[in-house]
Protein backbone atom coordinates (compact mmCIF):
# COMPACT_ATOMS: atom_id res chain seq x y z
CA MET A 1 268.03 96.00 -20.11
CA ALA A 2 266.07 94.64 -17.17
CA THR A 3 262.33 94.37 -17.42
CA LYS A 4 259.71 93.59 -14.86
CA GLN A 5 255.98 93.09 -14.78
CA VAL A 6 254.05 95.94 -13.29
CA PRO A 7 251.51 94.76 -10.73
CA PRO A 8 247.99 95.69 -11.86
CA ALA A 9 247.50 97.74 -8.71
CA SER A 10 250.30 100.02 -9.79
CA VAL A 11 248.20 101.47 -12.61
CA ALA A 12 245.97 103.85 -10.69
CA GLY A 13 242.32 103.83 -11.61
CA GLN A 14 242.90 101.49 -14.54
CA SER A 15 239.91 99.42 -15.65
CA TYR A 16 240.72 96.08 -17.25
CA VAL A 17 237.23 95.08 -18.43
CA GLY A 18 237.49 96.76 -21.84
CA PRO A 19 240.99 95.47 -22.62
CA PHE A 20 239.98 91.99 -21.47
CA ILE A 21 237.03 92.00 -23.92
CA ILE A 22 239.31 93.11 -26.77
CA ILE A 23 241.89 90.43 -26.08
CA THR A 24 239.28 87.69 -25.77
CA SER A 25 238.12 88.55 -29.30
CA LEU A 26 241.64 87.68 -30.44
CA PHE A 27 241.31 84.33 -28.65
CA PHE A 28 238.23 83.69 -30.80
CA LEU A 29 240.27 84.52 -33.89
CA PHE A 30 243.20 82.21 -33.33
CA GLY A 31 240.87 79.44 -32.19
CA PHE A 32 239.01 79.68 -35.50
CA ILE A 33 242.15 79.82 -37.66
CA THR A 34 243.91 77.00 -35.81
CA ASN A 35 240.95 74.65 -36.11
CA LEU A 36 240.25 75.57 -39.72
CA ASN A 37 243.82 74.53 -40.44
CA MET A 38 243.03 71.08 -39.02
CA ALA A 39 240.45 70.64 -41.78
CA LEU A 40 243.33 70.72 -44.23
CA VAL A 41 244.37 67.21 -43.17
CA PRO A 42 241.40 65.39 -44.81
CA HIS A 43 241.41 68.02 -47.58
CA LEU A 44 245.06 67.42 -48.50
CA ARG A 45 244.60 63.64 -48.24
CA LYS A 46 241.91 63.96 -50.91
CA VAL A 47 243.69 66.45 -53.18
CA PHE A 48 247.09 64.74 -53.18
CA THR A 49 246.06 61.13 -52.28
CA LEU A 50 248.17 61.03 -49.12
CA GLY A 51 248.42 58.72 -46.12
CA TYR A 52 247.66 60.03 -42.64
CA GLY A 53 251.33 60.63 -41.87
CA TRP A 54 251.95 62.84 -44.92
CA ALA A 55 248.66 64.72 -44.51
CA MET A 56 249.54 65.45 -40.88
CA LEU A 57 252.43 67.57 -42.19
CA ALA A 58 249.84 70.35 -42.44
CA GLU A 59 249.65 70.28 -38.65
CA SER A 60 253.41 69.92 -38.36
CA ALA A 61 254.01 72.99 -40.53
CA PHE A 62 251.55 75.05 -38.47
CA PHE A 63 252.89 74.09 -35.07
CA LEU A 64 256.52 74.05 -36.12
CA ALA A 65 256.10 77.82 -36.25
CA TYR A 66 255.62 77.80 -32.46
CA PHE A 67 259.02 76.19 -32.02
CA VAL A 68 260.70 78.66 -34.36
CA PHE A 69 258.99 81.90 -33.35
CA SER A 70 257.93 81.68 -29.69
CA SER A 71 261.25 82.73 -28.17
CA PRO A 72 261.85 85.51 -30.74
CA THR A 73 258.33 86.74 -30.00
CA ALA A 74 259.16 86.92 -26.28
CA ARG A 75 262.09 89.18 -27.17
CA LEU A 76 259.88 91.21 -29.50
CA ILE A 77 257.41 91.76 -26.64
CA GLU A 78 260.23 93.09 -24.48
CA ALA A 79 261.26 95.44 -27.31
CA ILE A 80 257.91 96.83 -28.54
CA GLY A 81 255.32 95.66 -25.99
CA TYR A 82 252.32 93.37 -26.07
CA LYS A 83 249.97 95.49 -28.19
CA LYS A 84 252.36 96.15 -31.09
CA THR A 85 253.35 92.50 -31.10
CA MET A 86 249.70 91.50 -31.48
CA VAL A 87 249.26 93.96 -34.38
CA VAL A 88 252.34 92.59 -36.15
CA SER A 89 251.04 89.05 -35.65
CA LEU A 90 247.76 89.84 -37.40
CA PHE A 91 249.51 91.21 -40.48
CA ILE A 92 251.78 88.15 -40.66
CA GLN A 93 248.64 86.00 -40.76
CA VAL A 94 247.28 88.12 -43.63
CA VAL A 95 250.33 87.21 -45.72
CA GLY A 96 249.94 83.51 -44.93
CA ALA A 97 246.21 83.47 -45.71
CA LEU A 98 246.79 85.14 -49.09
CA LEU A 99 249.35 82.46 -50.01
CA PHE A 100 246.56 79.87 -50.09
CA VAL A 101 245.35 81.40 -53.36
CA PRO A 102 248.47 80.57 -55.44
CA ALA A 103 248.86 77.28 -53.54
CA ALA A 104 245.39 76.19 -54.68
CA ARG A 105 245.83 77.53 -58.21
CA LEU A 106 249.16 75.71 -58.68
CA VAL A 107 247.96 72.63 -56.72
CA SER A 108 251.29 72.73 -54.86
CA PHE A 109 251.69 70.73 -51.66
CA PRO A 110 254.91 72.57 -50.64
CA LEU A 111 253.21 75.94 -51.16
CA PHE A 112 250.24 74.79 -49.05
CA LEU A 113 252.67 73.89 -46.27
CA THR A 114 254.45 77.25 -46.64
CA ALA A 115 251.16 79.13 -46.33
CA VAL A 116 250.25 77.08 -43.25
CA PHE A 117 253.66 77.77 -41.70
CA ILE A 118 253.37 81.56 -42.17
CA VAL A 119 249.85 81.62 -40.73
CA GLY A 120 251.22 79.56 -37.84
CA ALA A 121 253.99 82.13 -37.30
CA GLY A 122 251.38 84.87 -36.92
CA VAL A 123 249.24 82.81 -34.58
CA THR A 124 252.36 81.99 -32.52
CA ALA A 125 253.15 85.66 -32.03
CA LEU A 126 249.53 86.41 -31.17
CA GLN A 127 249.29 83.60 -28.60
CA THR A 128 252.66 84.40 -27.03
CA ALA A 129 251.52 87.97 -26.45
CA ALA A 130 247.83 87.41 -25.64
CA ASN A 131 248.13 84.59 -23.08
CA PRO A 132 250.43 86.35 -20.58
CA TYR A 133 248.65 89.66 -21.22
CA VAL A 134 245.39 88.13 -19.98
CA THR A 135 247.10 86.73 -16.88
CA ILE A 136 248.47 90.20 -16.08
CA LEU A 137 245.06 91.90 -16.35
CA GLY A 138 244.26 91.41 -12.68
CA PRO A 139 245.47 89.60 -9.54
CA GLU A 140 247.77 86.61 -10.02
CA HIS A 141 245.58 84.32 -7.91
CA SER A 142 242.70 84.69 -10.40
CA ALA A 143 244.87 84.32 -13.51
CA PRO A 144 243.72 80.71 -14.20
CA PHE A 145 240.09 81.90 -14.07
CA ARG A 146 240.70 84.78 -16.53
CA LEU A 147 242.72 82.66 -18.92
CA THR A 148 240.15 79.85 -18.83
CA LEU A 149 237.37 82.34 -19.58
CA ALA A 150 239.35 83.85 -22.46
CA GLN A 151 240.07 80.35 -23.78
CA ALA A 152 236.30 79.78 -23.90
CA PHE A 153 236.21 82.28 -26.77
CA ASN A 154 239.02 80.32 -28.38
CA SER A 155 236.67 77.33 -28.21
CA ILE A 156 233.81 79.27 -29.82
CA GLY A 157 236.03 79.99 -32.80
CA GLY A 158 237.23 76.39 -32.78
CA THR A 159 233.64 75.11 -32.74
CA ILE A 160 232.61 77.17 -35.75
CA ALA A 161 235.70 76.34 -37.84
CA PRO A 162 234.89 72.65 -38.61
CA LEU A 163 231.38 73.67 -39.68
CA VAL A 164 232.83 76.24 -42.08
CA ALA A 165 235.32 73.63 -43.30
CA GLY A 166 232.59 71.04 -43.84
CA SER A 167 230.50 73.51 -45.78
CA PHE A 168 233.14 75.23 -47.93
CA ILE A 169 236.40 73.23 -47.95
CA LEU A 170 235.46 69.57 -47.47
CA LYS A 171 232.29 69.69 -49.58
CA ASP A 172 231.63 66.72 -51.84
CA LEU A 173 232.46 67.65 -55.44
CA GLY A 174 232.14 64.11 -56.75
CA GLU A 175 234.68 61.39 -57.41
CA ASN A 176 235.67 62.78 -60.82
CA ALA A 177 236.17 66.40 -59.84
CA PRO A 178 239.47 67.80 -61.22
CA GLN A 179 242.30 68.08 -58.72
CA ALA A 180 242.52 71.86 -59.23
CA VAL A 181 238.81 72.27 -58.48
CA VAL A 182 239.08 70.29 -55.24
CA ALA A 183 242.18 72.22 -54.19
CA GLY A 184 240.47 75.52 -55.02
CA THR A 185 237.82 75.18 -52.31
CA VAL A 186 240.23 76.84 -49.86
CA ARG A 187 240.48 80.11 -51.83
CA GLY A 188 237.23 81.75 -50.77
CA PRO A 189 237.51 81.06 -47.03
CA TYR A 190 241.14 82.16 -46.79
CA LEU A 191 240.58 85.33 -48.86
CA ALA A 192 237.78 86.24 -46.44
CA ILE A 193 240.08 85.48 -43.50
CA ALA A 194 242.85 87.68 -44.96
CA GLY A 195 240.42 90.59 -45.32
CA GLY A 196 239.11 90.20 -41.80
CA LEU A 197 242.60 89.96 -40.31
CA PHE A 198 243.73 93.10 -42.15
CA ILE A 199 240.78 95.12 -40.86
CA LEU A 200 241.25 93.78 -37.31
CA GLY A 201 244.96 94.60 -37.39
CA LEU A 202 244.27 98.20 -38.39
CA ALA A 203 241.58 98.51 -35.71
CA LEU A 204 243.81 97.09 -32.98
CA ALA A 205 246.59 99.50 -33.92
CA PHE A 206 244.35 102.44 -32.98
CA ILE A 207 242.72 100.94 -29.88
CA HIS A 208 244.11 101.91 -26.48
CA LEU A 209 245.36 99.02 -24.36
CA PRO A 210 247.07 99.54 -20.99
CA ALA A 211 250.84 99.04 -21.24
CA ILE A 212 251.12 96.99 -18.07
CA GLY A 213 253.04 93.97 -19.32
CA MET A 214 256.60 95.28 -19.37
CA THR A 215 258.23 98.54 -18.38
CA ARG A 216 261.75 99.87 -18.12
CA ASP A 217 260.73 102.54 -15.61
CA PHE A 218 260.18 100.12 -12.72
CA ARG A 219 263.14 97.82 -12.29
CA PRO A 220 264.15 96.75 -8.81
CA ALA A 221 265.73 93.70 -10.46
CA GLN A 222 268.77 95.05 -12.29
CA GLU A 223 270.89 93.28 -14.89
CA GLY A 224 273.04 90.75 -13.07
CA GLY A 225 270.66 90.75 -10.09
CA PRO A 226 269.71 87.51 -8.36
CA ALA A 227 266.31 87.19 -10.06
CA LEU A 228 267.34 87.81 -13.65
CA ASP A 229 270.49 85.69 -13.28
CA HIS A 230 268.35 82.57 -12.88
CA SER A 231 267.85 80.43 -15.99
CA ILE A 232 264.22 79.76 -16.82
CA TRP A 233 265.25 76.09 -17.03
CA SER A 234 265.90 76.06 -13.28
CA TYR A 235 262.16 76.45 -12.57
CA ARG A 236 260.90 72.86 -12.56
CA HIS A 237 257.20 73.73 -12.63
CA THR A 238 257.76 75.86 -15.75
CA VAL A 239 259.75 73.18 -17.56
CA LEU A 240 257.21 70.47 -16.69
CA GLY A 241 254.47 72.89 -17.74
CA ALA A 242 256.18 73.18 -21.13
CA VAL A 243 256.20 69.37 -21.40
CA GLY A 244 252.52 69.33 -20.47
CA ILE A 245 251.69 71.91 -23.15
CA PHE A 246 253.72 69.90 -25.70
CA LEU A 247 251.71 66.76 -24.98
CA TYR A 248 248.35 68.48 -24.55
CA VAL A 249 248.43 70.48 -27.79
CA GLY A 250 249.69 67.49 -29.74
CA THR A 251 246.91 65.30 -28.39
CA GLU A 252 244.11 67.81 -28.84
CA VAL A 253 245.20 68.65 -32.39
CA GLY A 254 245.93 65.06 -33.35
CA LEU A 255 242.52 63.79 -32.25
CA ALA A 256 240.71 66.63 -34.02
CA SER A 257 242.75 66.25 -37.21
CA ILE A 258 242.12 62.53 -37.51
CA GLY A 259 238.55 62.85 -36.23
CA VAL A 260 236.76 63.16 -39.58
CA ASN A 261 238.37 59.99 -40.94
CA TYR A 262 237.89 58.16 -37.63
CA PHE A 263 234.20 59.02 -37.46
CA LEU A 264 233.69 57.93 -41.07
CA GLN A 265 235.53 54.69 -40.29
CA GLN A 266 233.27 54.05 -37.29
CA GLY A 267 230.15 54.40 -39.44
CA VAL A 268 229.04 57.92 -38.59
CA SER A 269 225.27 58.18 -38.73
CA VAL A 270 223.75 61.17 -40.49
CA ALA A 271 220.39 60.51 -38.84
CA ALA A 272 221.88 60.13 -35.34
CA THR A 273 223.85 63.37 -35.56
CA HIS A 274 220.88 65.25 -37.00
CA SER A 275 218.90 63.95 -34.05
CA VAL A 276 221.45 65.37 -31.60
CA LEU A 277 221.46 68.73 -33.39
CA ALA A 278 217.67 68.76 -33.48
CA SER A 279 217.63 68.28 -29.69
CA TRP A 280 219.27 71.72 -29.45
CA GLY A 281 216.06 73.24 -30.81
CA GLY A 282 216.18 76.15 -33.23
CA PHE A 283 219.94 76.54 -32.85
CA GLY A 284 220.63 72.97 -33.94
CA LYS A 285 218.29 73.25 -36.90
CA GLY A 286 219.91 76.53 -37.83
CA VAL A 287 223.35 74.94 -37.78
CA THR A 288 222.15 72.11 -40.02
CA THR A 289 220.57 74.52 -42.50
CA LEU A 290 223.34 77.15 -42.49
CA PHE A 291 226.21 74.74 -43.04
CA GLY A 292 224.41 72.23 -45.24
CA LEU A 293 225.21 69.17 -43.11
CA SER A 294 223.53 66.59 -45.30
CA ASP A 295 226.24 64.04 -46.17
CA ARG A 296 228.55 61.79 -44.14
CA VAL A 297 231.59 64.05 -44.54
CA GLY A 298 229.58 67.06 -43.41
CA ILE A 299 228.28 65.15 -40.41
CA ALA A 300 231.78 63.94 -39.53
CA SER A 301 232.88 67.59 -39.61
CA ALA A 302 229.95 68.45 -37.36
CA LEU A 303 231.12 65.83 -34.86
CA VAL A 304 234.56 67.45 -34.81
CA SER A 305 232.72 70.71 -34.17
CA LEU A 306 230.98 69.04 -31.22
CA TYR A 307 234.42 67.96 -29.95
CA TRP A 308 235.38 71.65 -29.85
CA PHE A 309 231.96 72.64 -28.50
CA GLY A 310 232.67 70.32 -25.57
CA ALA A 311 235.83 72.33 -24.93
CA LEU A 312 233.73 75.51 -24.92
CA VAL A 313 231.26 74.08 -22.41
CA GLY A 314 234.11 72.77 -20.29
CA ARG A 315 235.87 76.14 -20.23
CA LEU A 316 232.72 78.00 -19.24
CA LEU A 317 231.95 75.42 -16.56
CA GLY A 318 235.62 75.27 -15.62
CA SER A 319 235.74 79.03 -15.06
CA TRP A 320 233.11 78.55 -12.36
CA MET A 321 234.72 75.38 -10.98
CA LEU A 322 238.04 77.20 -10.57
CA THR A 323 236.36 79.47 -8.04
CA LYS A 324 235.65 76.35 -5.95
CA VAL A 325 238.51 73.95 -6.75
CA LYS A 326 242.28 74.42 -7.03
CA ALA A 327 243.58 74.57 -10.60
CA GLY A 328 245.99 71.66 -10.12
CA GLY A 329 243.34 69.32 -8.73
CA LEU A 330 240.89 70.12 -11.53
CA LEU A 331 243.60 69.60 -14.14
CA GLY A 332 244.52 66.22 -12.65
CA ALA A 333 240.91 65.06 -12.56
CA PHE A 334 240.25 66.07 -16.17
CA GLY A 335 243.46 64.34 -17.28
CA ILE A 336 242.33 61.07 -15.69
CA LEU A 337 238.82 61.32 -17.16
CA ALA A 338 240.15 62.10 -20.65
CA THR A 339 242.35 58.99 -20.42
CA LEU A 340 239.32 56.88 -19.55
CA MET A 341 237.24 58.32 -22.42
CA LEU A 342 239.98 57.56 -24.92
CA LEU A 343 240.38 54.04 -23.54
CA LEU A 344 236.64 53.51 -23.98
CA SER A 345 236.85 54.69 -27.59
CA MET A 346 239.73 52.28 -28.23
CA LEU A 347 237.87 49.29 -26.80
CA SER A 348 234.49 49.95 -28.45
CA SER A 349 233.06 50.63 -31.90
CA GLY A 350 230.30 52.55 -33.65
CA GLN A 351 228.44 55.23 -31.75
CA ILE A 352 230.15 54.51 -28.40
CA ALA A 353 233.59 54.89 -29.99
CA ILE A 354 232.49 58.10 -31.70
CA TRP A 355 230.88 59.84 -28.76
CA SER A 356 233.53 58.86 -26.22
CA LEU A 357 236.11 60.56 -28.46
CA VAL A 358 233.86 63.59 -28.85
CA LEU A 359 233.68 63.80 -25.04
CA CYS A 360 237.46 64.10 -24.88
CA GLY A 361 236.92 67.65 -26.12
CA PHE A 362 235.13 68.49 -22.88
CA PHE A 363 237.97 67.18 -20.74
CA ASN A 364 240.53 68.99 -22.88
CA SER A 365 238.81 72.25 -22.04
CA ILE A 366 240.70 73.52 -19.02
CA MET A 367 244.05 71.92 -19.77
CA PHE A 368 245.84 74.62 -21.76
CA PRO A 369 244.92 77.65 -19.61
CA ASN A 370 245.63 75.84 -16.35
CA ILE A 371 248.93 74.32 -17.47
CA PHE A 372 249.98 77.74 -18.80
CA ALA A 373 248.93 79.70 -15.70
CA LEU A 374 250.49 77.15 -13.33
CA GLY A 375 253.64 77.08 -15.44
CA ILE A 376 254.31 80.84 -15.23
CA ALA A 377 253.17 81.25 -11.60
CA GLY A 378 255.69 83.09 -9.44
CA LEU A 379 258.07 84.01 -12.28
CA GLY A 380 257.80 87.79 -11.85
CA PRO A 381 260.22 89.52 -14.25
CA LEU A 382 260.90 86.19 -15.93
CA THR A 383 257.26 85.81 -17.00
CA SER A 384 257.89 86.68 -20.65
CA LYS A 385 260.70 84.11 -20.79
CA GLY A 386 258.50 81.50 -19.15
CA SER A 387 255.72 82.31 -21.60
CA GLY A 388 258.15 82.01 -24.49
CA LEU A 389 259.38 78.60 -23.30
CA ILE A 390 255.85 77.28 -22.79
CA MET A 391 254.62 78.61 -26.12
CA THR A 392 257.65 77.04 -27.82
CA ALA A 393 256.37 73.73 -26.46
CA VAL A 394 253.22 74.13 -28.57
CA VAL A 395 255.44 72.53 -31.23
CA GLY A 396 253.91 69.36 -29.78
CA GLY A 397 251.17 70.10 -32.29
CA ALA A 398 253.75 69.40 -35.00
CA VAL A 399 255.17 66.23 -33.47
CA ILE A 400 252.35 64.28 -31.79
CA PRO A 401 249.87 64.41 -34.74
CA LEU A 402 252.61 63.29 -37.12
CA LEU A 403 253.45 60.33 -34.85
CA LEU A 404 249.73 59.60 -34.47
CA GLY A 405 249.33 59.60 -38.25
CA VAL A 406 252.28 57.25 -38.73
CA LEU A 407 250.90 54.89 -36.08
CA ALA A 408 247.45 55.05 -37.69
CA ASP A 409 248.94 54.15 -41.09
CA HIS A 410 250.70 51.11 -39.63
CA PHE A 411 248.33 49.88 -36.90
CA GLY A 412 244.99 51.60 -37.44
CA ILE A 413 243.55 54.70 -35.76
CA GLN A 414 242.21 52.98 -32.63
CA HIS A 415 245.51 51.29 -31.77
CA ALA A 416 247.28 54.61 -32.37
CA PHE A 417 245.25 56.11 -29.50
CA VAL A 418 247.78 54.60 -27.09
CA LEU A 419 249.96 57.66 -27.77
CA PRO A 420 247.45 60.35 -26.72
CA MET A 421 246.50 58.23 -23.69
CA ILE A 422 250.10 58.46 -22.45
CA CYS A 423 249.96 62.22 -22.99
CA TYR A 424 246.79 62.54 -20.91
CA MET A 425 248.37 60.55 -18.09
CA PHE A 426 251.31 62.97 -17.90
CA ILE A 427 248.91 65.92 -17.80
CA ALA A 428 247.11 64.29 -14.87
CA PHE A 429 250.47 63.92 -13.12
CA TYR A 430 251.31 67.60 -13.72
CA GLY A 431 247.99 68.73 -12.26
CA LEU A 432 248.29 66.55 -9.16
CA VAL A 433 252.04 66.79 -8.46
CA GLY A 434 254.26 68.32 -11.12
CA HIS A 435 252.95 71.91 -11.06
CA LYS A 436 254.24 72.61 -7.54
CA PRO A 437 257.13 75.14 -7.82
CA ASN A 438 260.57 74.25 -6.56
CA ARG A 439 261.37 78.00 -6.55
CA THR A 440 259.76 81.35 -7.35
CA VAL A 441 261.11 84.82 -8.15
CA ALA A 442 260.85 87.12 -5.16
């Protein structure tokens, strides 16, 4: 049956402020869970004595779920709507989070990966529903602004997650700690996450959200009509947007996942990082005290947190910049600057290498929301299919980190940075040239 987006203006007297606030809280949630999962890479390396390539399978399992479940989620949205899909996604994540308990107790690498995959399936469904829902909550021309602002809350969750990981999962238990004890550090955090997700899922089920995403009551485009007959693959800007998301997510995740080990390798300074946190005043001191950042591993985790904090700052600043600059131009500029920062990290060492990589987080900030919004622009009734294709491309988070880990095992982390540099250069191309549609849906 044909479906079509309902223009926001068609819902008389509807206010979108409340729904927007609710959905942005979900962005915080999947930002936190996604980034906490990245802490499993150094954790699994320690528990199972793995190389970077094998440890990166934790990222591959998580983001493989995007490839498997994004398109089915698009069909689920058409069948039950955005809100119910988001509720279902939260309960799927509950199941995955609970699986970490037996995985830790049995010290089973396959069960860890299974738990990660199921959590990833829930996050996939949540993202596939939440991202287009935010773009629909208002005029299309301001969709990049709304999605960038919502993604800022994703970054807040992502900033907190490495600090939680450094305090509770990656804590130093000593060289002779039993394998089961080291593996068991994940139980508490993931039990707490399961409880929170369950409560949030119940709450969301009873909250009113406007059903503006899909309707079968308004359908000028009938089955077999000219718009719905078009394959989503015929829209070049959407396909290139999917490639951009593939490369962006893989790069962002890969750099964050290998960040702790890279910072330790570059001689992370406890004193220097404490000095930076202290410069933030009471907040920085509070972070140091709350999360117990007193050893090199904790400080390396804090630097990964700063990487994500840069994304938060960039998204907040980017929301304002998008009122002054076109989304494509800003995306191109940030892609070029991220390439230069990574090149600097490759060609330097010590604190310069560390902080230039941390700064990549800032330039990552506006990439996802702008690629996504530009990729689904002008799709009309094909928006859910475009969203499904683009979210499927998040499987880049399964592929690029794995390749980065393999390169790091063979050539060292710094030489492996050639791969994410190529990814950034494509993103710059998409922002400057590739996002321009060759066709739109009337």
